[in-house]
PDB file of N, CA and C in Angstrom:
ATOM      1  N   UNK A   1      82.053  10.228  25.908  1.00  0.00           N
ATOM      2  CA  UNK A   1      81.152   9.851  26.976  1.00  0.00           C
ATOM      3  C   UNK A   1      81.096   8.325  27.056  1.00  0.00           C
ATOM      4  N   UNK A   2      81.171   7.800  28.263  1.00  0.00           N
ATOM      5  CA  UNK A   2      81.179   6.349  28.451  1.00  0.00           C
ATOM      6  C   UNK A   2      79.778   5.766  28.319  1.00  0.00           C
ATOM      7  N   UNK A   3      79.727   4.454  28.148  1.00  0.00           N
ATOM      8  CA  UNK A   3      78.436   3.764  28.056  1.00  0.00           C
ATOM      9  C   UNK A   3      77.631   3.951  29.348  1.00  0.00           C
ATOM     10  N   UNK A   4      78.324   3.969  30.481  1.00  0.00           N
ATOM     11  CA  UNK A   4      77.648   4.170  31.756  1.00  0.00           C
ATOM     12  C   UNK A   4      77.023   5.560  31.824  1.00  0.00           C
ATOM     13  N   UNK A   5      77.727   6.576  31.350  1.00  0.00           N
ATOM     14  CA  UNK A   5      77.182   7.941  31.360  1.00  0.00           C
ATOM     15  C   UNK A   5      75.973   8.059  30.439  1.00  0.00           C
ATOM     16  N   UNK A   6      76.022   7.389  29.281  1.00  0.00           N
ATOM     17  CA  UNK A   6      74.855   7.369  28.388  1.00  0.00           C
ATOM     18  C   UNK A   6      73.670   6.692  29.073  1.00  0.00           C
ATOM     19  N   UNK A   7      73.928   5.568  29.725  1.00  0.00           N
ATOM     20  CA  UNK A   7      72.859   4.833  30.409  1.00  0.00           C
ATOM     21  C   UNK A   7      72.306   5.646  31.580  1.00  0.00           C
ATOM     22  N   UNK A   8      73.175   6.342  32.294  1.00  0.00           N
ATOM     23  CA  UNK A   8      72.736   7.183  33.413  1.00  0.00           C
ATOM     24  C   UNK A   8      71.863   8.327  32.900  1.00  0.00           C
ATOM     25  N   UNK A   9      72.247   8.907  31.778  1.00  0.00           N
ATOM     26  CA  UNK A   9      71.432   9.976  31.167  1.00  0.00           C
ATOM     27  C   UNK A   9      70.049   9.439  30.783  1.00  0.00           C
ATOM     28  N   UNK A  10      70.014   8.205  30.270  1.00  0.00           N
ATOM     29  CA  UNK A  10      68.733   7.588  29.929  1.00  0.00           C
ATOM     30  C   UNK A  10      67.881   7.367  31.191  1.00  0.00           C
ATOM     31  N   UNK A  11      68.514   6.980  32.294  1.00  0.00           N
ATOM     32  CA  UNK A  11      67.772   6.776  33.544  1.00  0.00           C
ATOM     33  C   UNK A  11      67.133   8.087  34.006  1.00  0.00           C
ATOM     34  N   UNK A  12      67.867   9.189  33.917  1.00  0.00           N
ATOM     35  CA  UNK A  12      67.293  10.488  34.291  1.00  0.00           C
ATOM     36  C   UNK A  12      66.187  10.907  33.323  1.00  0.00           C
ATOM     37  N   UNK A  13      66.382  10.614  32.032  1.00  0.00           N
ATOM     38  CA  UNK A  13      65.341  10.891  31.041  1.00  0.00           C
ATOM     39  C   UNK A  13      64.059  10.145  31.379  1.00  0.00           C
ATOM     40  N   UNK A  14      64.202   8.879  31.772  1.00  0.00           N
ATOM     41  CA  UNK A  14      63.024   8.083  32.110  1.00  0.00           C
ATOM     42  C   UNK A  14      62.364   8.570  33.396  1.00  0.00           C
ATOM     43  N   UNK A  15      63.140   9.086  34.339  1.00  0.00           N
ATOM     44  CA  UNK A  15      62.544   9.657  35.554  1.00  0.00           C
ATOM     45  C   UNK A  15      61.681  10.858  35.184  1.00  0.00           C
ATOM     46  N   UNK A  16      62.181  11.696  34.288  1.00  0.00           N
ATOM     47  CA  UNK A  16      61.395  12.840  33.821  1.00  0.00           C
ATOM     48  C   UNK A  16      60.165  12.409  33.039  1.00  0.00           C
ATOM     49  N   UNK A  17      60.313  11.386  32.204  1.00  0.00           N
ATOM     50  CA  UNK A  17      59.178  10.877  31.441  1.00  0.00           C
ATOM     51  C   UNK A  17      58.104  10.313  32.367  1.00  0.00           C
ATOM     52  N   UNK A  18      58.520   9.660  33.445  1.00  0.00           N
ATOM     53  CA  UNK A  18      57.559   9.128  34.407  1.00  0.00           C
ATOM     54  C   UNK A  18      56.786  10.257  35.092  1.00  0.00           C
ATOM     55  N   UNK A  19      57.495  11.311  35.474  1.00  0.00           N
ATOM     56  CA  UNK A  19      56.821  12.457  36.094  1.00  0.00           C
ATOM     57  C   UNK A  19      55.815  13.064  35.119  1.00  0.00           C
ATOM     58  N   UNK A  20      56.206  13.234  33.863  1.00  0.00           N
ATOM     59  CA  UNK A  20      55.281  13.787  32.863  1.00  0.00           C
ATOM     60  C   UNK A  20      54.080  12.879  32.636  1.00  0.00           C
ATOM     61  N   UNK A  21      54.286  11.572  32.632  1.00  0.00           N
ATOM     62  CA  UNK A  21      53.175  10.638  32.442  1.00  0.00           C
ATOM     63  C   UNK A  21      52.187  10.715  33.603  1.00  0.00           C
ATOM     64  N   UNK A  22      52.699  10.801  34.824  1.00  0.00           N
ATOM     65  CA  UNK A  22      51.822  10.912  35.989  1.00  0.00           C
ATOM     66  C   UNK A  22      51.052  12.231  35.949  1.00  0.00           C
ATOM     67  N   UNK A  23      51.748  13.310  35.594  1.00  0.00           N
ATOM     68  CA  UNK A  23      51.064  14.611  35.493  1.00  0.00           C
ATOM     69  C   UNK A  23      50.004  14.601  34.396  1.00  0.00           C
ATOM     70  N   UNK A  24      50.300  13.952  33.273  1.00  0.00           N
ATOM     71  CA  UNK A  24      49.326  13.844  32.185  1.00  0.00           C
ATOM     72  C   UNK A  24      48.057  13.139  32.655  1.00  0.00           C
ATOM     73  N   UNK A  25      48.214  12.020  33.331  1.00  0.00           N
ATOM     74  CA  UNK A  25      47.050  11.275  33.831  1.00  0.00           C
ATOM     75  C   UNK A  25      46.296  12.101  34.868  1.00  0.00           C
ATOM     76  N   UNK A  26      47.010  12.812  35.731  1.00  0.00           N
ATOM     77  CA  UNK A  26      46.354  13.635  36.755  1.00  0.00           C
ATOM     78  C   UNK A  26      45.576  14.785  36.134  1.00  0.00           C
ATOM     79  N   UNK A  27      46.140  15.417  35.118  1.00  0.00           N
ATOM     80  CA  UNK A  27      45.447  16.534  34.457  1.00  0.00           C
ATOM     81  C   UNK A  27      44.204  16.042  33.727  1.00  0.00           C
ATOM     82  N   UNK A  28      44.325  14.939  33.017  1.00  0.00           N
ATOM     83  CA  UNK A  28      43.154  14.386  32.325  1.00  0.00           C
ATOM     84  C   UNK A  28      42.084  13.998  33.344  1.00  0.00           C
ATOM     85  N   UNK A  29      42.499  13.403  34.447  1.00  0.00           N
ATOM     86  CA  UNK A  29      41.552  13.019  35.496  1.00  0.00           C
ATOM     87  C   UNK A  29      40.854  14.247  36.088  1.00  0.00           C
ATOM     88  N   UNK A  30      41.596  15.300  36.285  1.00  0.00           N
ATOM     89  CA  UNK A  30      41.034  16.528  36.880  1.00  0.00           C
ATOM     90  C   UNK A  30      40.024  17.199  35.964  1.00  0.00           C
ATOM     91  N   UNK A  31      40.335  17.300  34.670  1.00  0.00           N
ATOM     92  CA  UNK A  31      39.481  18.054  33.756  1.00  0.00           C
ATOM     93  C   UNK A  31      38.431  17.213  33.035  1.00  0.00           C
ATOM     94  N   UNK A  32      38.662  15.940  32.851  1.00  0.00           N
ATOM     95  CA  UNK A  32      37.731  15.110  32.085  1.00  0.00           C
ATOM     96  C   UNK A  32      37.192  13.919  32.850  1.00  0.00           C
ATOM     97  N   UNK A  33      37.612  13.732  34.081  1.00  0.00           N
ATOM     98  CA  UNK A  33      37.186  12.578  34.858  1.00  0.00           C
ATOM     99  C   UNK A  33      38.115  11.396  34.624  1.00  0.00           C
ATOM    100  N   UNK A  34      37.859  10.341  35.355  1.00  0.00           N
ATOM    101  CA  UNK A  34      38.719   9.157  35.278  1.00  0.00           C
ATOM    102  C   UNK A  34      38.725   8.587  33.869  1.00  0.00           C
ATOM    103  N   UNK A  35      39.928   8.326  33.342  1.00  0.00           N
ATOM    104  CA  UNK A  35      40.038   7.820  31.984  1.00  0.00           C
ATOM    105  C   UNK A  35      41.098   6.727  31.916  1.00  0.00           C
ATOM    106  N   UNK A  36      40.658   5.541  31.560  1.00  0.00           N
ATOM    107  CA  UNK A  36      41.625   4.471  31.356  1.00  0.00           C
ATOM    108  C   UNK A  36      42.388   4.683  30.055  1.00  0.00           C
ATOM    109  N   UNK A  37      41.817   5.446  29.141  1.00  0.00           N
ATOM    110  CA  UNK A  37      42.517   5.750  27.885  1.00  0.00           C
ATOM    111  C   UNK A  37      43.753   6.603  28.165  1.00  0.00           C
ATOM    112  N   UNK A  38      43.620   7.609  29.029  1.00  0.00           N
ATOM    113  CA  UNK A  38      44.771   8.449  29.384  1.00  0.00           C
ATOM    114  C   UNK A  38      45.856   7.612  30.059  1.00  0.00           C
ATOM    115  N   UNK A  39      45.451   6.698  30.925  1.00  0.00           N
ATOM    116  CA  UNK A  39      46.415   5.823  31.577  1.00  0.00           C
ATOM    117  C   UNK A  39      47.115   4.942  30.548  1.00  0.00           C
ATOM    118  N   UNK A  40      46.360   4.408  29.610  1.00  0.00           N
ATOM    119  CA  UNK A  40      46.934   3.574  28.555  1.00  0.00           C
ATOM    120  C   UNK A  40      47.903   4.351  27.671  1.00  0.00           C
ATOM    121  N   UNK A  41      47.541   5.586  27.341  1.00  0.00           N
ATOM    122  CA  UNK A  41      48.427   6.437  26.535  1.00  0.00           C
ATOM    123  C   UNK A  41      49.726   6.692  27.292  1.00  0.00           C
ATOM    124  N   UNK A  42      49.641   6.952  28.599  1.00  0.00           N
ATOM    125  CA  UNK A  42      50.830   7.204  29.409  1.00  0.00           C
ATOM    126  C   UNK A  42      51.726   5.958  29.452  1.00  0.00           C
ATOM    127  N   UNK A  43      51.138   4.794  29.619  1.00  0.00           N
ATOM    128  CA  UNK A  43      51.919   3.551  29.675  1.00  0.00           C
ATOM    129  C   UNK A  43      52.587   3.270  28.332  1.00  0.00           C
ATOM    130  N   UNK A  44      51.856   3.419  27.245  1.00  0.00           N
ATOM    131  CA  UNK A  44      52.428   3.191  25.912  1.00  0.00           C
ATOM    132  C   UNK A  44      53.567   4.182  25.663  1.00  0.00           C
ATOM    133  N   UNK A  45      53.386   5.430  26.064  1.00  0.00           N
ATOM    134  CA  UNK A  45      54.441   6.433  25.915  1.00  0.00           C
ATOM    135  C   UNK A  45      55.688   6.069  26.694  1.00  0.00           C
ATOM    136  N   UNK A  46      55.520   5.563  27.918  1.00  0.00           N
ATOM    137  CA  UNK A  46      56.673   5.157  28.718  1.00  0.00           C
ATOM    138  C   UNK A  46      57.396   3.956  28.107  1.00  0.00           C
ATOM    139  N   UNK A  47      56.647   3.008  27.577  1.00  0.00           N
ATOM    140  CA  UNK A  47      57.264   1.842  26.941  1.00  0.00           C
ATOM    141  C   UNK A  47      58.061   2.273  25.708  1.00  0.00           C
ATOM    142  N   UNK A  48      57.494   3.171  24.911  1.00  0.00           N
ATOM    143  CA  UNK A  48      58.195   3.654  23.718  1.00  0.00           C
ATOM    144  C   UNK A  48      59.439   4.447  24.105  1.00  0.00           C
ATOM    145  N   UNK A  49      59.330   5.299  25.125  1.00  0.00           N
ATOM    146  CA  UNK A  49      60.481   6.092  25.566  1.00  0.00           C
ATOM    147  C   UNK A  49      61.583   5.209  26.136  1.00  0.00           C
ATOM    148  N   UNK A  50      61.220   4.081  26.708  1.00  0.00           N
ATOM    149  CA  UNK A  50      62.192   3.211  27.365  1.00  0.00           C
ATOM    150  C   UNK A  50      62.811   2.169  26.430  1.00  0.00           C
ATOM    151  N   UNK A  51      62.427   2.149  25.184  1.00  0.00           N
ATOM    152  CA  UNK A  51      62.970   1.136  24.271  1.00  0.00           C
ATOM    153  C   UNK A  51      64.473   1.283  24.071  1.00  0.00           C
ATOM    154  N   UNK A  52      65.006   2.486  24.285  1.00  0.00           N
ATOM    155  CA  UNK A  52      66.456   2.696  24.161  1.00  0.00           C
ATOM    156  C   UNK A  52      67.244   1.920  25.210  1.00  0.00           C
ATOM    157  N   UNK A  53      66.580   1.541  26.302  1.00  0.00           N
ATOM    158  CA  UNK A  53      67.252   0.832  27.386  1.00  0.00           C
ATOM    159  C   UNK A  53      67.963  -0.430  26.882  1.00  0.00           C
ATOM    160  N   UNK A  54      67.405  -1.073  25.896  1.00  0.00           N
ATOM    161  CA  UNK A  54      67.971  -2.329  25.408  1.00  0.00           C
ATOM    162  C   UNK A  54      69.271  -2.134  24.629  1.00  0.00           C
ATOM    163  N   UNK A  55      69.633  -0.890  24.326  1.00  0.00           N
ATOM    164  CA  UNK A  55      70.861  -0.613  23.574  1.00  0.00           C
ATOM    165  C   UNK A  55      72.083  -0.446  24.471  1.00  0.00           C
ATOM    166  N   UNK A  56      71.893  -0.360  25.789  1.00  0.00           N
ATOM    167  CA  UNK A  56      73.009  -0.123  26.700  1.00  0.00           C
ATOM    168  C   UNK A  56      73.544  -1.456  27.220  1.00  0.00           C
ATOM    169  N   UNK A  57      74.509  -1.992  26.497  1.00  0.00           N
ATOM    170  CA  UNK A  57      75.085  -3.295  26.813  1.00  0.00           C
ATOM    171  C   UNK A  57      76.583  -3.160  27.064  1.00  0.00           C
ATOM    172  N   UNK A  58      77.112  -4.062  27.855  1.00  0.00           N
ATOM    173  CA  UNK A  58      78.550  -4.117  28.119  1.00  0.00           C
ATOM    174  C   UNK A  58      79.283  -4.353  26.807  1.00  0.00           C
ATOM    175  N   UNK A  59      80.306  -3.548  26.495  1.00  0.00           N
ATOM    176  CA  UNK A  59      81.037  -3.754  25.243  1.00  0.00           C
ATOM    177  C   UNK A  59      81.868  -5.042  25.231  1.00  0.00           C
ATOM    178  N   UNK A  60      82.162  -5.597  26.390  1.00  0.00           N
ATOM    179  CA  UNK A  60      82.968  -6.817  26.461  1.00  0.00           C
ATOM    180  C   UNK A  60      82.128  -8.075  26.285  1.00  0.00           C
ATOM    181  N   UNK A  61      81.054  -8.204  27.077  1.00  0.00           N
ATOM    182  CA  UNK A  61      80.286  -9.454  27.058  1.00  0.00           C
ATOM    183  C   UNK A  61      78.855  -9.302  26.525  1.00  0.00           C
ATOM    184  N   UNK A  62      78.360  -8.071  26.424  1.00  0.00           N
ATOM    185  CA  UNK A  62      77.031  -7.848  25.871  1.00  0.00           C
ATOM    186  C   UNK A  62      75.900  -7.842  26.884  1.00  0.00           C
ATOM    187  N   UNK A  63      76.185  -7.964  28.185  1.00  0.00           N
ATOM    188  CA  UNK A  63      75.123  -7.950  29.206  1.00  0.00           C
ATOM    189  C   UNK A  63      74.556  -6.538  29.328  1.00  0.00           C
ATOM    190  N   UNK A  64      73.240  -6.442  29.428  1.00  0.00           N
ATOM    191  CA  UNK A  64      72.577  -5.147  29.542  1.00  0.00           C
ATOM    192  C   UNK A  64      72.857  -4.523  30.906  1.00  0.00           C
ATOM    193  N   UNK A  65      73.089  -3.205  30.927  1.00  0.00           N
ATOM    194  CA  UNK A  65      73.432  -2.487  32.149  1.00  0.00           C
ATOM    195  C   UNK A  65      72.258  -2.359  33.113  1.00  0.00           C
ATOM    196  N   UNK A  66      71.029  -2.458  32.614  1.00  0.00           N
ATOM    197  CA  UNK A  66      69.852  -2.248  33.443  1.00  0.00           C
ATOM    198  C   UNK A  66      69.256  -3.530  34.007  1.00  0.00           C
ATOM    199  N   UNK A  67      69.774  -4.683  33.630  1.00  0.00           N
ATOM    200  CA  UNK A  67      69.206  -5.939  34.102  1.00  0.00           C
ATOM    201  C   UNK A  67      70.068  -6.540  35.204  1.00  0.00           C
ATOM    202  N   UNK A  68      69.406  -6.966  36.282  1.00  0.00           N
ATOM    203  CA  UNK A  68      70.042  -7.716  37.362  1.00  0.00           C
ATOM    204  C   UNK A  68      69.361  -9.075  37.384  1.00  0.00           C
ATOM    205  N   UNK A  69      69.996 -10.043  36.783  1.00  0.00           N
ATOM    206  CA  UNK A  69      69.352 -11.338  36.625  1.00  0.00           C
ATOM    207  C   UNK A  69      68.225 -11.212  35.625  1.00  0.00           C
ATOM    208  N   UNK A  70      67.020 -11.570  36.022  1.00  0.00           N
ATOM    209  CA  UNK A  70      65.885 -11.451  35.109  1.00  0.00           C
ATOM    210  C   UNK A  70      65.065 -10.187  35.351  1.00  0.00           C
ATOM    211  N   UNK A  71      65.501  -9.329  36.274  1.00  0.00           N
ATOM    212  CA  UNK A  71      64.760  -8.123  36.605  1.00  0.00           C
ATOM    213  C   UNK A  71      65.417  -6.886  36.014  1.00  0.00           C
ATOM    214  N   UNK A  72      64.603  -5.978  35.490  1.00  0.00           N
ATOM    215  CA  UNK A  72      65.097  -4.681  35.024  1.00  0.00           C
ATOM    216  C   UNK A  72      64.992  -3.696  36.186  1.00  0.00           C
ATOM    217  N   UNK A  73      66.024  -2.900  36.373  1.00  0.00           N
ATOM    218  CA  UNK A  73      66.067  -1.922  37.452  1.00  0.00           C
ATOM    219  C   UNK A  73      66.214  -0.526  36.849  1.00  0.00           C
ATOM    220  N   UNK A  74      65.865   0.522  37.603  1.00  0.00           N
ATOM    221  CA  UNK A  74      65.884   1.869  37.020  1.00  0.00           C
ATOM    222  C   UNK A  74      67.264   2.511  36.911  1.00  0.00           C
ATOM    223  N   UNK A  75      68.300   1.948  37.536  1.00  0.00           N
ATOM    224  CA  UNK A  75      69.626   2.563  37.480  1.00  0.00           C
ATOM    225  C   UNK A  75      70.639   1.564  36.921  1.00  0.00           C
ATOM    226  N   UNK A  76      71.524   1.993  36.011  1.00  0.00           N
ATOM    227  CA  UNK A  76      72.459   1.058  35.377  1.00  0.00           C
ATOM    228  C   UNK A  76      73.614   0.643  36.283  1.00  0.00           C
ATOM    229  N   UNK A  77      74.203  -0.506  35.979  1.00  0.00           N
ATOM    230  CA  UNK A  77      75.406  -0.979  36.660  1.00  0.00           C
ATOM    231  C   UNK A  77      76.603  -0.169  36.205  1.00  0.00           C
ATOM    232  N   UNK A  78      77.475   0.225  37.129  1.00  0.00           N
ATOM    233  CA  UNK A  78      78.723   0.886  36.750  1.00  0.00           C
ATOM    234  C   UNK A  78      79.786  -0.170  36.418  1.00  0.00           C
ATOM    235  N   UNK A  79      79.667  -1.323  37.040  1.00  0.00           N
ATOM    236  CA  UNK A  79      80.564  -2.451  36.778  1.00  0.00           C
ATOM    237  C   UNK A  79      79.693  -3.598  36.273  1.00  0.00           C
ATOM    238  N   UNK A  80      80.102  -4.189  35.171  1.00  0.00           N
ATOM    239  CA  UNK A  80      79.319  -5.272  34.574  1.00  0.00           C
ATOM    240  C   UNK A  80      79.171  -6.416  35.565  1.00  0.00           C
ATOM    241  N   UNK A  81      77.944  -6.902  35.723  1.00  0.00           N
ATOM    242  CA  UNK A  81      77.673  -7.986  36.646  1.00  0.00           C
ATOM    243  C   UNK A  81      78.108  -9.345  36.128  1.00  0.00           C
ATOM    244  N   UNK A  82      78.409  -9.430  34.844  1.00  0.00           N
ATOM    245  CA  UNK A  82      78.804 -10.719  34.269  1.00  0.00           C
ATOM    246  C   UNK A  82      80.325 -10.858  34.150  1.00  0.00           C
ATOM    247  N   UNK A  83      80.988  -9.850  33.582  1.00  0.00           N
ATOM    248  CA  UNK A  83      82.431  -9.978  33.329  1.00  0.00           C
ATOM    249  C   UNK A  83      83.288  -9.059  34.206  1.00  0.00           C
ATOM    250  N   UNK A  84      82.665  -8.128  34.942  1.00  0.00           N
ATOM    251  CA  UNK A  84      83.414  -7.261  35.850  1.00  0.00           C
ATOM    252  C   UNK A  84      84.066  -6.048  35.201  1.00  0.00           C
ATOM    253  N   UNK A  85      83.742  -5.749  33.957  1.00  0.00           N
ATOM    254  CA  UNK A  85      84.302  -4.592  33.272  1.00  0.00           C
ATOM    255  C   UNK A  85      83.822  -3.301  33.921  1.00  0.00           C
ATOM    256  N   UNK A  86      84.742  -2.359  34.146  1.00  0.00           N
ATOM    257  CA  UNK A  86      84.371  -1.045  34.674  1.00  0.00           C
ATOM    258  C   UNK A  86      83.787  -0.222  33.538  1.00  0.00           C
ATOM    259  N   UNK A  87      82.466  -0.040  33.528  1.00  0.00           N
ATOM    260  CA  UNK A  87      81.789   0.636  32.430  1.00  0.00           C
ATOM    261  C   UNK A  87      81.882   2.149  32.519  1.00  0.00           C
ATOM    262  N   UNK A  88      82.275   2.653  33.667  1.00  0.00           N
ATOM    263  CA  UNK A  88      82.472   4.088  33.820  1.00  0.00           C
ATOM    264  C   UNK A  88      83.796   4.555  33.240  1.00  0.00           C
ATOM    265  N   UNK A  89      84.712   3.638  32.994  1.00  0.00           N
ATOM    266  CA  UNK A  89      86.031   3.983  32.475  1.00  0.00           C
ATOM    267  C   UNK A  89      86.118   3.863  30.950  1.00  0.00           C
ATOM    268  N   UNK A  90      85.137   3.193  30.334  1.00  0.00           N
ATOM    269  CA  UNK A  90      85.187   2.988  28.877  1.00  0.00           C
ATOM    270  C   UNK A  90      84.358   3.996  28.160  1.00  0.00           C
TER     271      UNK A  90
END
């Protein structure tokens, strides 16, 4: 499996984690009322789940697949933005 496929799998994992976090906050809100603690737990969970994102780097130059300049985006680059390596082929 290529680095791009691993990164793409992580992007789908994070989409599912986001849906679960939103549902968690909605359920807590419905049954217990508004809770900033539930929101905080959901945010901390998303940050912990997303820590793997920093491991998806170009094997040639080391640039992260999820960063475009100084911004992180939800979908990885298939071609490295720094050196032009095709990450779907490696």
